[in-house]
Amino acid sequence: MAQDNSEGLMGPVSAEARAAMKGQRPFVLWLTGLSGAGKSTLAEAIDQRLHGRGLHSYVLDGDIMRHGLNRDLGFSADDRRENIRRTGEVSRLLVDAGLIVVSAFISPYRADRELLRQLFPAGQYIEIYVEAPLAVCEQRDPKGLYKRARAGEIRDFTGIGSPYESPLQPDISLRTDLMSPVQCVEEVFAVLQRRGCLQRG
């Protein structure tokens, strides 16, 4: 039976202590862009790269959140804002636990993304604009959502019936119609390296 050595210890375990135990600097990479731009593909590739370096990371995306915590939400403007608010809070908790979080969400409104940035200390929120022209995203259409939106089956679909507000000053911009996934991941890690995010804590 494990011995309890907690006698005499006071107070909660700090975020710094949790990060130090994992030997890394926690932060969130927030990937925003139209459906079909390549956010989830890049999030998974970034996660694999982080894992390969021995770093502790976790991916959040719309499918994960809407099948669980956010399954009560629809796609109205208010529900989208609440979806992003909840996801931001989950991301903050995971960062507080010492993890590197890769969150991939359309998150179409600038004001919502600015509120996300304010949840984190300076330097812990890194916004990545995953950019591709609407025509390219429609051509890819991996889930057939654009086709359904054009047919009137999905109301308020971002890019068709609802606006997407492009980031004005993202931390990283990736043109997925011009860059391969490998090139995009390389660019992300080059920026992270320059910022000292990958230094072991």
N, C-alpha and C. Protein backbone atom coordinates (compact mmCIF):
# COMPACT_ATOMS: atom_id res chain seq x y z
N MET A 1 0.85 -1.20 0.00
CA MET A 1 0.00 0.00 0.00
C MET A 1 0.88 1.25 0.00
N ALA A 2 0.56 2.20 -0.88
CA ALA A 2 1.38 3.41 -0.98
C ALA A 2 1.28 4.22 0.31
N GLN A 3 2.39 4.80 0.69
CA GLN A 3 2.42 5.61 1.91
C GLN A 3 2.00 7.03 1.61
N ASP A 4 1.18 7.59 2.47
CA ASP A 4 0.72 8.97 2.30
C ASP A 4 1.73 9.90 2.93
N ASN A 5 2.40 10.69 2.08
CA ASN A 5 3.43 11.62 2.55
C ASN A 5 2.94 13.06 2.52
N SER A 6 1.60 13.27 2.51
CA SER A 6 1.07 14.61 2.32
C SER A 6 0.98 15.41 3.63
N GLU A 7 1.26 14.77 4.77
CA GLU A 7 1.13 15.48 6.05
C GLU A 7 2.07 16.68 6.07
N GLY A 8 1.53 17.82 6.42
CA GLY A 8 2.34 19.03 6.51
C GLY A 8 2.33 19.86 5.23
N LEU A 9 1.82 19.28 4.10
CA LEU A 9 1.75 20.03 2.85
C LEU A 9 0.49 20.87 2.85
N MET A 10 0.60 22.09 2.31
CA MET A 10 -0.55 22.99 2.32
C MET A 10 -0.76 23.59 0.93
N GLY A 11 -2.03 23.86 0.62
CA GLY A 11 -2.34 24.57 -0.60
C GLY A 11 -2.42 23.65 -1.81
N PRO A 12 -3.02 24.15 -2.89
CA PRO A 12 -3.16 23.36 -4.12
C PRO A 12 -1.82 23.24 -4.85
N VAL A 13 -1.75 22.22 -5.70
CA VAL A 13 -0.58 22.07 -6.57
C VAL A 13 -0.67 23.14 -7.65
N SER A 14 0.38 23.89 -7.85
CA SER A 14 0.37 25.01 -8.79
C SER A 14 0.47 24.52 -10.23
N ALA A 15 0.04 25.38 -11.15
CA ALA A 15 0.18 25.07 -12.57
C ALA A 15 1.64 24.92 -12.94
N GLU A 16 2.50 25.73 -12.32
CA GLU A 16 3.93 25.64 -12.60
C GLU A 16 4.49 24.29 -12.17
N ALA A 17 4.02 23.79 -11.02
CA ALA A 17 4.50 22.49 -10.54
C ALA A 17 4.04 21.37 -11.46
N ARG A 18 2.82 21.46 -11.94
CA ARG A 18 2.31 20.42 -12.85
C ARG A 18 3.09 20.43 -14.17
N ALA A 19 3.38 21.62 -14.68
CA ALA A 19 4.17 21.71 -15.91
C ALA A 19 5.58 21.19 -15.70
N ALA A 20 6.17 21.53 -14.54
CA ALA A 20 7.52 21.08 -14.25
C ALA A 20 7.59 19.56 -14.17
N MET A 21 6.57 18.93 -13.62
CA MET A 21 6.54 17.47 -13.53
C MET A 21 6.55 16.84 -14.93
N LYS A 22 5.88 17.51 -15.88
CA LYS A 22 5.85 17.01 -17.26
C LYS A 22 7.06 17.47 -18.06
N GLY A 23 7.82 18.40 -17.50
CA GLY A 23 9.02 18.86 -18.19
C GLY A 23 8.74 19.63 -19.46
N GLN A 24 7.69 20.46 -19.45
CA GLN A 24 7.37 21.21 -20.65
C GLN A 24 6.66 22.50 -20.30
N ARG A 25 6.53 23.36 -21.32
CA ARG A 25 5.79 24.61 -21.17
C ARG A 25 4.41 24.44 -21.77
N PRO A 26 3.35 24.52 -20.98
CA PRO A 26 2.01 24.33 -21.53
C PRO A 26 1.52 25.57 -22.28
N PHE A 27 0.74 25.33 -23.32
CA PHE A 27 0.14 26.42 -24.09
C PHE A 27 -0.97 25.82 -24.93
N VAL A 28 -1.77 26.68 -25.57
CA VAL A 28 -2.81 26.21 -26.49
C VAL A 28 -2.53 26.75 -27.88
N LEU A 29 -2.62 25.86 -28.86
CA LEU A 29 -2.62 26.24 -30.27
C LEU A 29 -4.07 26.23 -30.72
N TRP A 30 -4.59 27.38 -31.11
CA TRP A 30 -6.00 27.46 -31.52
C TRP A 30 -6.05 27.61 -33.03
N LEU A 31 -6.48 26.56 -33.72
CA LEU A 31 -6.58 26.56 -35.17
C LEU A 31 -7.97 27.00 -35.58
N THR A 32 -8.06 28.08 -36.33
CA THR A 32 -9.33 28.61 -36.80
C THR A 32 -9.32 28.69 -38.32
N GLY A 33 -10.48 28.52 -38.93
CA GLY A 33 -10.59 28.59 -40.38
C GLY A 33 -11.87 27.93 -40.84
N LEU A 34 -12.17 28.06 -42.09
CA LEU A 34 -13.39 27.48 -42.66
C LEU A 34 -13.40 25.96 -42.56
N SER A 35 -14.58 25.38 -42.58
CA SER A 35 -14.70 23.93 -42.71
C SER A 35 -14.02 23.50 -44.01
N GLY A 36 -13.20 22.48 -43.94
CA GLY A 36 -12.49 22.01 -45.12
C GLY A 36 -11.15 22.66 -45.35
N ALA A 37 -10.79 23.63 -44.51
CA ALA A 37 -9.49 24.31 -44.69
C ALA A 37 -8.32 23.41 -44.29
N GLY A 38 -8.59 22.42 -43.42
CA GLY A 38 -7.52 21.50 -43.03
C GLY A 38 -7.15 21.55 -41.56
N LYS A 39 -8.02 22.13 -40.74
CA LYS A 39 -7.70 22.31 -39.32
C LYS A 39 -7.47 20.99 -38.60
N SER A 40 -8.39 20.05 -38.74
CA SER A 40 -8.28 18.78 -38.01
C SER A 40 -7.10 17.96 -38.50
N THR A 41 -6.86 17.98 -39.80
CA THR A 41 -5.70 17.27 -40.35
C THR A 41 -4.41 17.80 -39.75
N LEU A 42 -4.29 19.13 -39.70
CA LEU A 42 -3.08 19.73 -39.14
C LEU A 42 -2.99 19.52 -37.63
N ALA A 43 -4.14 19.59 -36.93
CA ALA A 43 -4.12 19.38 -35.48
C ALA A 43 -3.59 18.00 -35.15
N GLU A 44 -4.04 16.99 -35.89
CA GLU A 44 -3.57 15.63 -35.64
C GLU A 44 -2.09 15.49 -35.96
N ALA A 45 -1.64 16.13 -37.05
CA ALA A 45 -0.23 16.05 -37.42
C ALA A 45 0.66 16.76 -36.39
N ILE A 46 0.20 17.90 -35.89
CA ILE A 46 0.94 18.63 -34.86
C ILE A 46 1.01 17.79 -33.59
N ASP A 47 -0.12 17.18 -33.22
CA ASP A 47 -0.18 16.33 -32.03
C ASP A 47 0.81 15.17 -32.15
N GLN A 48 0.85 14.53 -33.32
CA GLN A 48 1.79 13.42 -33.55
C GLN A 48 3.23 13.89 -33.41
N ARG A 49 3.51 15.08 -33.93
CA ARG A 49 4.87 15.62 -33.86
C ARG A 49 5.26 15.93 -32.41
N LEU A 50 4.34 16.51 -31.66
CA LEU A 50 4.60 16.80 -30.25
C LEU A 50 4.82 15.50 -29.47
N HIS A 51 3.96 14.53 -29.72
CA HIS A 51 4.09 13.23 -29.05
C HIS A 51 5.43 12.58 -29.37
N GLY A 52 5.85 12.70 -30.62
CA GLY A 52 7.13 12.14 -31.03
C GLY A 52 8.32 12.78 -30.33
N ARG A 53 8.13 14.01 -29.87
CA ARG A 53 9.19 14.70 -29.14
C ARG A 53 9.10 14.46 -27.64
N GLY A 54 8.18 13.58 -27.24
CA GLY A 54 8.04 13.27 -25.82
C GLY A 54 7.26 14.30 -25.04
N LEU A 55 6.48 15.13 -25.74
CA LEU A 55 5.69 16.17 -25.08
C LEU A 55 4.26 15.68 -24.86
N HIS A 56 3.62 16.17 -23.82
CA HIS A 56 2.27 15.76 -23.46
C HIS A 56 1.27 16.74 -24.08
N SER A 57 0.47 16.25 -25.03
CA SER A 57 -0.46 17.12 -25.75
C SER A 57 -1.80 16.43 -25.88
N TYR A 58 -2.81 17.23 -26.26
CA TYR A 58 -4.16 16.69 -26.45
C TYR A 58 -4.88 17.54 -27.49
N VAL A 59 -5.65 16.87 -28.36
CA VAL A 59 -6.40 17.54 -29.41
C VAL A 59 -7.87 17.68 -29.02
N LEU A 60 -8.41 18.87 -29.20
CA LEU A 60 -9.85 19.11 -29.09
C LEU A 60 -10.34 19.60 -30.45
N ASP A 61 -11.48 19.05 -30.89
CA ASP A 61 -12.09 19.57 -32.11
C ASP A 61 -13.60 19.52 -31.98
N GLY A 62 -14.29 20.00 -33.00
CA GLY A 62 -15.73 20.11 -32.93
C GLY A 62 -16.43 18.78 -32.71
N ASP A 63 -15.95 17.73 -33.36
CA ASP A 63 -16.57 16.42 -33.20
C ASP A 63 -16.48 15.93 -31.76
N ILE A 64 -15.30 16.08 -31.16
CA ILE A 64 -15.09 15.64 -29.78
C ILE A 64 -16.02 16.40 -28.84
N MET A 65 -16.07 17.72 -28.98
CA MET A 65 -16.84 18.54 -28.05
C MET A 65 -18.35 18.39 -28.26
N ARG A 66 -18.78 18.31 -29.51
CA ARG A 66 -20.23 18.26 -29.78
C ARG A 66 -20.82 16.87 -29.55
N HIS A 67 -19.98 15.86 -29.45
CA HIS A 67 -20.49 14.53 -29.11
C HIS A 67 -20.57 14.32 -27.61
N GLY A 68 -20.04 15.27 -26.84
CA GLY A 68 -20.04 15.13 -25.40
C GLY A 68 -20.53 16.38 -24.71
N LEU A 69 -19.59 17.17 -24.23
CA LEU A 69 -19.91 18.34 -23.43
C LEU A 69 -20.86 19.30 -24.12
N ASN A 70 -20.72 19.47 -25.41
CA ASN A 70 -21.50 20.48 -26.13
C ASN A 70 -22.60 19.89 -27.01
N ARG A 71 -23.04 18.68 -26.70
CA ARG A 71 -24.05 18.05 -27.56
C ARG A 71 -25.41 18.72 -27.46
N ASP A 72 -25.60 19.57 -26.47
CA ASP A 72 -26.87 20.29 -26.33
C ASP A 72 -26.92 21.55 -27.18
N LEU A 73 -25.85 21.87 -27.89
CA LEU A 73 -25.77 23.12 -28.64
C LEU A 73 -26.06 22.89 -30.13
N GLY A 74 -26.72 23.89 -30.73
CA GLY A 74 -26.95 23.87 -32.16
C GLY A 74 -25.92 24.72 -32.88
N PHE A 75 -26.35 25.37 -33.98
CA PHE A 75 -25.40 26.13 -34.79
C PHE A 75 -25.84 27.58 -34.99
N SER A 76 -26.72 28.06 -34.11
CA SER A 76 -27.05 29.48 -34.14
C SER A 76 -25.83 30.28 -33.69
N ALA A 77 -25.86 31.58 -33.92
CA ALA A 77 -24.72 32.41 -33.51
C ALA A 77 -24.47 32.29 -32.01
N ASP A 78 -25.54 32.30 -31.22
CA ASP A 78 -25.38 32.19 -29.76
C ASP A 78 -24.81 30.82 -29.37
N ASP A 79 -25.29 29.77 -30.00
CA ASP A 79 -24.79 28.43 -29.67
C ASP A 79 -23.33 28.27 -30.10
N ARG A 80 -22.97 28.87 -31.21
CA ARG A 80 -21.56 28.80 -31.64
C ARG A 80 -20.65 29.51 -30.64
N ARG A 81 -21.12 30.65 -30.16
CA ARG A 81 -20.33 31.38 -29.17
C ARG A 81 -20.18 30.56 -27.89
N GLU A 82 -21.27 29.92 -27.48
CA GLU A 82 -21.21 29.10 -26.27
C GLU A 82 -20.32 27.87 -26.48
N ASN A 83 -20.36 27.31 -27.67
CA ASN A 83 -19.49 26.18 -28.01
C ASN A 83 -18.02 26.57 -27.84
N ILE A 84 -17.66 27.73 -28.35
CA ILE A 84 -16.28 28.20 -28.26
C ILE A 84 -15.94 28.60 -26.83
N ARG A 85 -16.88 29.20 -26.12
CA ARG A 85 -16.61 29.58 -24.72
C ARG A 85 -16.30 28.34 -23.88
N ARG A 86 -17.14 27.32 -24.00
CA ARG A 86 -16.92 26.10 -23.23
C ARG A 86 -15.59 25.44 -23.61
N THR A 87 -15.32 25.40 -24.90
CA THR A 87 -14.08 24.78 -25.35
C THR A 87 -12.87 25.55 -24.85
N GLY A 88 -12.98 26.88 -24.83
CA GLY A 88 -11.90 27.68 -24.29
C GLY A 88 -11.64 27.37 -22.83
N GLU A 89 -12.71 27.19 -22.06
CA GLU A 89 -12.56 26.87 -20.64
C GLU A 89 -11.93 25.49 -20.45
N VAL A 90 -12.33 24.53 -21.28
CA VAL A 90 -11.71 23.20 -21.21
C VAL A 90 -10.23 23.29 -21.58
N SER A 91 -9.93 24.06 -22.62
CA SER A 91 -8.53 24.24 -23.02
C SER A 91 -7.71 24.86 -21.90
N ARG A 92 -8.31 25.84 -21.22
CA ARG A 92 -7.60 26.49 -20.11
C ARG A 92 -7.32 25.51 -18.98
N LEU A 93 -8.28 24.67 -18.66
CA LEU A 93 -8.07 23.67 -17.61
C LEU A 93 -6.96 22.69 -17.98
N LEU A 94 -6.94 22.27 -19.24
CA LEU A 94 -5.91 21.33 -19.68
C LEU A 94 -4.52 21.98 -19.66
N VAL A 95 -4.46 23.25 -20.04
CA VAL A 95 -3.19 23.97 -19.96
C VAL A 95 -2.76 24.11 -18.51
N ASP A 96 -3.71 24.40 -17.63
CA ASP A 96 -3.42 24.49 -16.20
C ASP A 96 -2.88 23.17 -15.66
N ALA A 97 -3.32 22.06 -16.26
CA ALA A 97 -2.83 20.74 -15.85
C ALA A 97 -1.46 20.42 -16.43
N GLY A 98 -0.93 21.34 -17.25
CA GLY A 98 0.42 21.17 -17.78
C GLY A 98 0.50 20.63 -19.19
N LEU A 99 -0.63 20.54 -19.88
CA LEU A 99 -0.65 19.98 -21.22
C LEU A 99 -0.48 21.05 -22.30
N ILE A 100 -0.05 20.61 -23.46
CA ILE A 100 -0.10 21.42 -24.68
C ILE A 100 -1.40 21.03 -25.39
N VAL A 101 -2.26 22.00 -25.64
CA VAL A 101 -3.58 21.73 -26.20
C VAL A 101 -3.62 22.21 -27.64
N VAL A 102 -4.12 21.36 -28.53
CA VAL A 102 -4.29 21.72 -29.93
C VAL A 102 -5.79 21.72 -30.21
N SER A 103 -6.38 22.91 -30.32
CA SER A 103 -7.83 23.05 -30.49
C SER A 103 -8.13 23.48 -31.91
N ALA A 104 -8.96 22.70 -32.61
CA ALA A 104 -9.27 22.98 -34.01
C ALA A 104 -10.77 23.26 -34.15
N PHE A 105 -11.12 24.52 -34.35
CA PHE A 105 -12.53 24.94 -34.42
C PHE A 105 -12.68 26.04 -35.45
N ILE A 106 -13.79 26.03 -36.18
CA ILE A 106 -14.05 27.13 -37.12
C ILE A 106 -13.96 28.46 -36.38
N SER A 107 -14.60 28.54 -35.21
CA SER A 107 -14.60 29.76 -34.38
C SER A 107 -14.65 31.01 -35.25
N PRO A 108 -15.81 31.28 -35.87
CA PRO A 108 -15.87 32.28 -36.94
C PRO A 108 -15.81 33.74 -36.51
N TYR A 109 -16.00 34.02 -35.20
CA TYR A 109 -16.12 35.42 -34.80
C TYR A 109 -14.86 35.92 -34.09
N ARG A 110 -14.37 37.07 -34.54
CA ARG A 110 -13.15 37.65 -33.94
C ARG A 110 -13.33 37.92 -32.46
N ALA A 111 -14.49 38.44 -32.08
CA ALA A 111 -14.70 38.79 -30.67
C ALA A 111 -14.58 37.56 -29.78
N ASP A 112 -15.08 36.43 -30.24
CA ASP A 112 -14.98 35.20 -29.45
C ASP A 112 -13.53 34.76 -29.32
N ARG A 113 -12.78 34.88 -30.39
CA ARG A 113 -11.37 34.47 -30.34
C ARG A 113 -10.57 35.41 -29.45
N GLU A 114 -10.95 36.68 -29.40
CA GLU A 114 -10.26 37.61 -28.52
C GLU A 114 -10.56 37.28 -27.05
N LEU A 115 -11.78 36.86 -26.77
CA LEU A 115 -12.11 36.42 -25.41
C LEU A 115 -11.31 35.19 -25.03
N LEU A 116 -11.09 34.31 -25.99
CA LEU A 116 -10.25 33.13 -25.73
C LEU A 116 -8.85 33.55 -25.32
N ARG A 117 -8.28 34.48 -26.07
CA ARG A 117 -6.91 34.93 -25.78
C ARG A 117 -6.81 35.46 -24.35
N GLN A 118 -7.87 36.12 -23.90
CA GLN A 118 -7.84 36.71 -22.56
C GLN A 118 -7.92 35.68 -21.45
N LEU A 119 -8.27 34.44 -21.78
CA LEU A 119 -8.33 33.38 -20.77
C LEU A 119 -6.94 32.93 -20.33
N PHE A 120 -5.93 33.22 -21.14
CA PHE A 120 -4.60 32.67 -20.92
C PHE A 120 -3.58 33.77 -20.63
N PRO A 121 -2.56 33.44 -19.83
CA PRO A 121 -1.46 34.38 -19.65
C PRO A 121 -0.78 34.68 -20.99
N ALA A 122 -0.10 35.80 -21.05
CA ALA A 122 0.57 36.21 -22.28
C ALA A 122 1.49 35.10 -22.78
N GLY A 123 1.37 34.80 -24.07
CA GLY A 123 2.23 33.80 -24.69
C GLY A 123 1.69 32.38 -24.65
N GLN A 124 0.60 32.15 -23.90
CA GLN A 124 0.07 30.79 -23.81
C GLN A 124 -1.04 30.50 -24.82
N TYR A 125 -1.53 31.52 -25.50
CA TYR A 125 -2.55 31.32 -26.53
C TYR A 125 -1.93 31.70 -27.87
N ILE A 126 -1.87 30.74 -28.77
CA ILE A 126 -1.26 30.96 -30.08
C ILE A 126 -2.32 30.68 -31.15
N GLU A 127 -2.72 31.73 -31.84
CA GLU A 127 -3.78 31.60 -32.84
C GLU A 127 -3.19 31.28 -34.20
N ILE A 128 -3.70 30.20 -34.80
CA ILE A 128 -3.23 29.77 -36.11
C ILE A 128 -4.39 29.88 -37.10
N TYR A 129 -4.22 30.71 -38.10
CA TYR A 129 -5.24 30.86 -39.14
C TYR A 129 -4.95 29.84 -40.23
N VAL A 130 -5.82 28.83 -40.32
CA VAL A 130 -5.71 27.81 -41.36
C VAL A 130 -6.56 28.29 -42.52
N GLU A 131 -5.89 28.82 -43.53
CA GLU A 131 -6.57 29.58 -44.59
C GLU A 131 -6.60 28.81 -45.90
N ALA A 132 -7.76 28.80 -46.52
CA ALA A 132 -7.93 28.31 -47.88
C ALA A 132 -9.15 29.01 -48.47
N PRO A 133 -9.13 29.34 -49.75
CA PRO A 133 -10.29 29.99 -50.36
C PRO A 133 -11.54 29.12 -50.22
N LEU A 134 -12.69 29.79 -50.14
CA LEU A 134 -13.96 29.08 -50.01
C LEU A 134 -14.13 28.04 -51.11
N ALA A 135 -13.75 28.39 -52.33
CA ALA A 135 -13.92 27.45 -53.45
C ALA A 135 -13.12 26.17 -53.23
N VAL A 136 -11.94 26.31 -52.66
CA VAL A 136 -11.10 25.13 -52.38
C VAL A 136 -11.73 24.29 -51.28
N CYS A 137 -12.22 24.96 -50.24
CA CYS A 137 -12.88 24.24 -49.14
C CYS A 137 -14.12 23.50 -49.63
N GLU A 138 -14.87 24.14 -50.52
CA GLU A 138 -16.06 23.48 -51.08
C GLU A 138 -15.67 22.29 -51.94
N GLN A 139 -14.58 22.41 -52.66
CA GLN A 139 -14.12 21.31 -53.49
C GLN A 139 -13.69 20.12 -52.64
N ARG A 140 -13.03 20.39 -51.52
CA ARG A 140 -12.62 19.32 -50.61
C ARG A 140 -13.84 18.70 -49.93
N ASP A 141 -14.62 19.52 -49.27
CA ASP A 141 -15.89 19.15 -48.61
C ASP A 141 -15.88 17.72 -48.07
N PRO A 142 -14.99 17.39 -47.11
CA PRO A 142 -14.82 16.00 -46.67
C PRO A 142 -16.07 15.38 -46.06
N LYS A 143 -16.95 16.18 -45.50
CA LYS A 143 -18.16 15.64 -44.85
C LYS A 143 -19.44 15.95 -45.65
N GLY A 144 -19.27 16.53 -46.83
CA GLY A 144 -20.44 16.86 -47.64
C GLY A 144 -21.29 17.98 -47.09
N LEU A 145 -20.71 18.80 -46.20
CA LEU A 145 -21.50 19.84 -45.54
C LEU A 145 -21.80 21.02 -46.46
N TYR A 146 -20.84 21.38 -47.30
CA TYR A 146 -21.09 22.50 -48.23
C TYR A 146 -22.21 22.13 -49.21
N LYS A 147 -22.17 20.89 -49.68
CA LYS A 147 -23.21 20.45 -50.61
C LYS A 147 -24.57 20.53 -49.96
N ARG A 148 -24.66 20.11 -48.71
CA ARG A 148 -25.94 20.17 -47.98
C ARG A 148 -26.35 21.62 -47.72
N ALA A 149 -25.36 22.48 -47.42
CA ALA A 149 -25.67 23.89 -47.18
C ALA A 149 -26.18 24.56 -48.45
N ARG A 150 -25.55 24.25 -49.59
CA ARG A 150 -25.99 24.82 -50.86
C ARG A 150 -27.40 24.35 -51.22
N ALA A 151 -27.74 23.15 -50.77
CA ALA A 151 -29.06 22.59 -51.06
C ALA A 151 -30.11 23.08 -50.06
N GLY A 152 -29.69 23.90 -49.10
CA GLY A 152 -30.63 24.43 -48.12
C GLY A 152 -30.93 23.50 -46.97
N GLU A 153 -30.15 22.42 -46.84
CA GLU A 153 -30.38 21.44 -45.77
C GLU A 153 -29.75 21.89 -44.45
N ILE A 154 -28.73 22.74 -44.52
CA ILE A 154 -28.07 23.25 -43.32
C ILE A 154 -28.16 24.77 -43.35
N ARG A 155 -28.81 25.33 -42.34
CA ARG A 155 -28.92 26.78 -42.25
C ARG A 155 -27.71 27.35 -41.52
N ASP A 156 -27.38 28.59 -41.84
CA ASP A 156 -26.32 29.33 -41.14
C ASP A 156 -24.97 28.62 -41.17
N PHE A 157 -24.69 27.92 -42.26
CA PHE A 157 -23.40 27.24 -42.37
C PHE A 157 -22.32 28.28 -42.68
N THR A 158 -21.23 28.24 -41.93
CA THR A 158 -20.18 29.25 -42.06
C THR A 158 -19.61 29.26 -43.49
N GLY A 159 -19.56 30.45 -44.07
CA GLY A 159 -19.05 30.61 -45.42
C GLY A 159 -20.14 30.63 -46.46
N ILE A 160 -21.32 30.09 -46.11
CA ILE A 160 -22.45 30.05 -47.04
C ILE A 160 -23.57 30.94 -46.52
N GLY A 161 -24.16 30.57 -45.38
CA GLY A 161 -25.25 31.35 -44.82
C GLY A 161 -24.87 32.16 -43.60
N SER A 162 -23.62 32.02 -43.19
CA SER A 162 -23.14 32.72 -41.99
C SER A 162 -21.70 33.16 -42.24
N PRO A 163 -21.29 34.32 -41.74
CA PRO A 163 -19.97 34.85 -42.07
C PRO A 163 -18.83 34.18 -41.31
N TYR A 164 -17.65 34.25 -41.90
CA TYR A 164 -16.42 33.91 -41.19
C TYR A 164 -15.56 35.16 -41.15
N GLU A 165 -15.19 35.58 -39.95
CA GLU A 165 -14.37 36.78 -39.78
C GLU A 165 -12.91 36.38 -39.65
N SER A 166 -12.16 36.61 -40.70
CA SER A 166 -10.76 36.19 -40.73
C SER A 166 -9.96 36.90 -39.64
N PRO A 167 -8.99 36.22 -39.04
CA PRO A 167 -8.12 36.89 -38.06
C PRO A 167 -7.38 38.06 -38.69
N LEU A 168 -7.27 39.14 -37.95
CA LEU A 168 -6.55 40.31 -38.46
C LEU A 168 -5.06 40.20 -38.20
N GLN A 169 -4.69 39.63 -37.05
CA GLN A 169 -3.28 39.47 -36.70
C GLN A 169 -3.05 38.11 -36.04
N PRO A 170 -3.20 37.03 -36.80
CA PRO A 170 -2.95 35.72 -36.22
C PRO A 170 -1.47 35.54 -35.88
N ASP A 171 -1.19 34.68 -34.94
CA ASP A 171 0.21 34.40 -34.61
C ASP A 171 0.90 33.63 -35.73
N ILE A 172 0.14 32.77 -36.40
CA ILE A 172 0.66 31.97 -37.51
C ILE A 172 -0.42 31.90 -38.59
N SER A 173 -0.03 32.08 -39.85
CA SER A 173 -0.97 31.92 -40.97
C SER A 173 -0.47 30.78 -41.86
N LEU A 174 -1.38 29.90 -42.23
CA LEU A 174 -1.03 28.75 -43.07
C LEU A 174 -1.98 28.70 -44.26
N ARG A 175 -1.45 28.83 -45.48
CA ARG A 175 -2.27 28.72 -46.68
C ARG A 175 -2.26 27.27 -47.14
N THR A 176 -3.28 26.53 -46.77
CA THR A 176 -3.27 25.10 -47.05
C THR A 176 -3.54 24.77 -48.51
N ASP A 177 -3.95 25.78 -49.30
CA ASP A 177 -4.08 25.54 -50.74
C ASP A 177 -2.74 25.71 -51.45
N LEU A 178 -1.77 26.31 -50.76
CA LEU A 178 -0.45 26.55 -51.34
C LEU A 178 0.66 25.75 -50.66
N MET A 179 0.40 25.29 -49.45
CA MET A 179 1.40 24.56 -48.66
C MET A 179 0.91 23.14 -48.39
N SER A 180 1.83 22.18 -48.38
CA SER A 180 1.47 20.82 -48.02
C SER A 180 1.30 20.73 -46.50
N PRO A 181 0.62 19.69 -46.01
CA PRO A 181 0.52 19.51 -44.56
C PRO A 181 1.89 19.47 -43.88
N VAL A 182 2.85 18.83 -44.50
CA VAL A 182 4.20 18.77 -43.92
C VAL A 182 4.80 20.15 -43.80
N GLN A 183 4.65 20.97 -44.85
CA GLN A 183 5.17 22.34 -44.80
C GLN A 183 4.47 23.16 -43.72
N CYS A 184 3.17 22.96 -43.57
CA CYS A 184 2.42 23.69 -42.55
C CYS A 184 2.92 23.33 -41.15
N VAL A 185 3.10 22.06 -40.89
CA VAL A 185 3.59 21.62 -39.58
C VAL A 185 4.99 22.16 -39.33
N GLU A 186 5.82 22.15 -40.34
CA GLU A 186 7.18 22.69 -40.19
C GLU A 186 7.13 24.17 -39.82
N GLU A 187 6.22 24.91 -40.44
CA GLU A 187 6.10 26.34 -40.14
C GLU A 187 5.65 26.54 -38.69
N VAL A 188 4.68 25.74 -38.25
CA VAL A 188 4.21 25.84 -36.86
C VAL A 188 5.36 25.59 -35.89
N PHE A 189 6.12 24.54 -36.12
CA PHE A 189 7.20 24.20 -35.19
C PHE A 189 8.36 25.19 -35.27
N ALA A 190 8.56 25.80 -36.42
CA ALA A 190 9.59 26.85 -36.52
C ALA A 190 9.21 28.03 -35.63
N VAL A 191 7.94 28.42 -35.67
CA VAL A 191 7.48 29.54 -34.83
C VAL A 191 7.57 29.15 -33.35
N LEU A 192 7.13 27.96 -33.01
CA LEU A 192 7.19 27.52 -31.61
C LEU A 192 8.63 27.49 -31.11
N GLN A 193 9.54 27.06 -31.97
CA GLN A 193 10.96 27.02 -31.60
C GLN A 193 11.49 28.42 -31.35
N ARG A 194 11.14 29.37 -32.22
CA ARG A 194 11.62 30.75 -32.06
C ARG A 194 11.09 31.37 -30.78
N ARG A 195 9.87 31.01 -30.40
CA ARG A 195 9.25 31.58 -29.21
C ARG A 195 9.68 30.87 -27.92
N GLY A 196 10.45 29.83 -28.05
CA GLY A 196 10.89 29.11 -26.86
C GLY A 196 9.83 28.21 -26.26
N CYS A 197 8.77 27.93 -27.01
CA CYS A 197 7.68 27.13 -26.47
C CYS A 197 8.06 25.66 -26.28
N LEU A 198 9.06 25.21 -27.01
CA LEU A 198 9.41 23.79 -26.98
C LEU A 198 10.56 23.48 -26.03
N GLN A 199 11.01 24.51 -25.32
CA GLN A 199 12.05 24.25 -24.33
C GLN A 199 11.50 23.40 -23.22
N ARG A 200 12.29 22.45 -22.75
CA ARG A 200 11.85 21.60 -21.65
C ARG A 200 11.90 22.40 -20.36
N GLY A 201 10.81 22.27 -19.58
CA GLY A 201 10.71 23.04 -18.34
C GLY A 201 11.45 22.40 -17.19
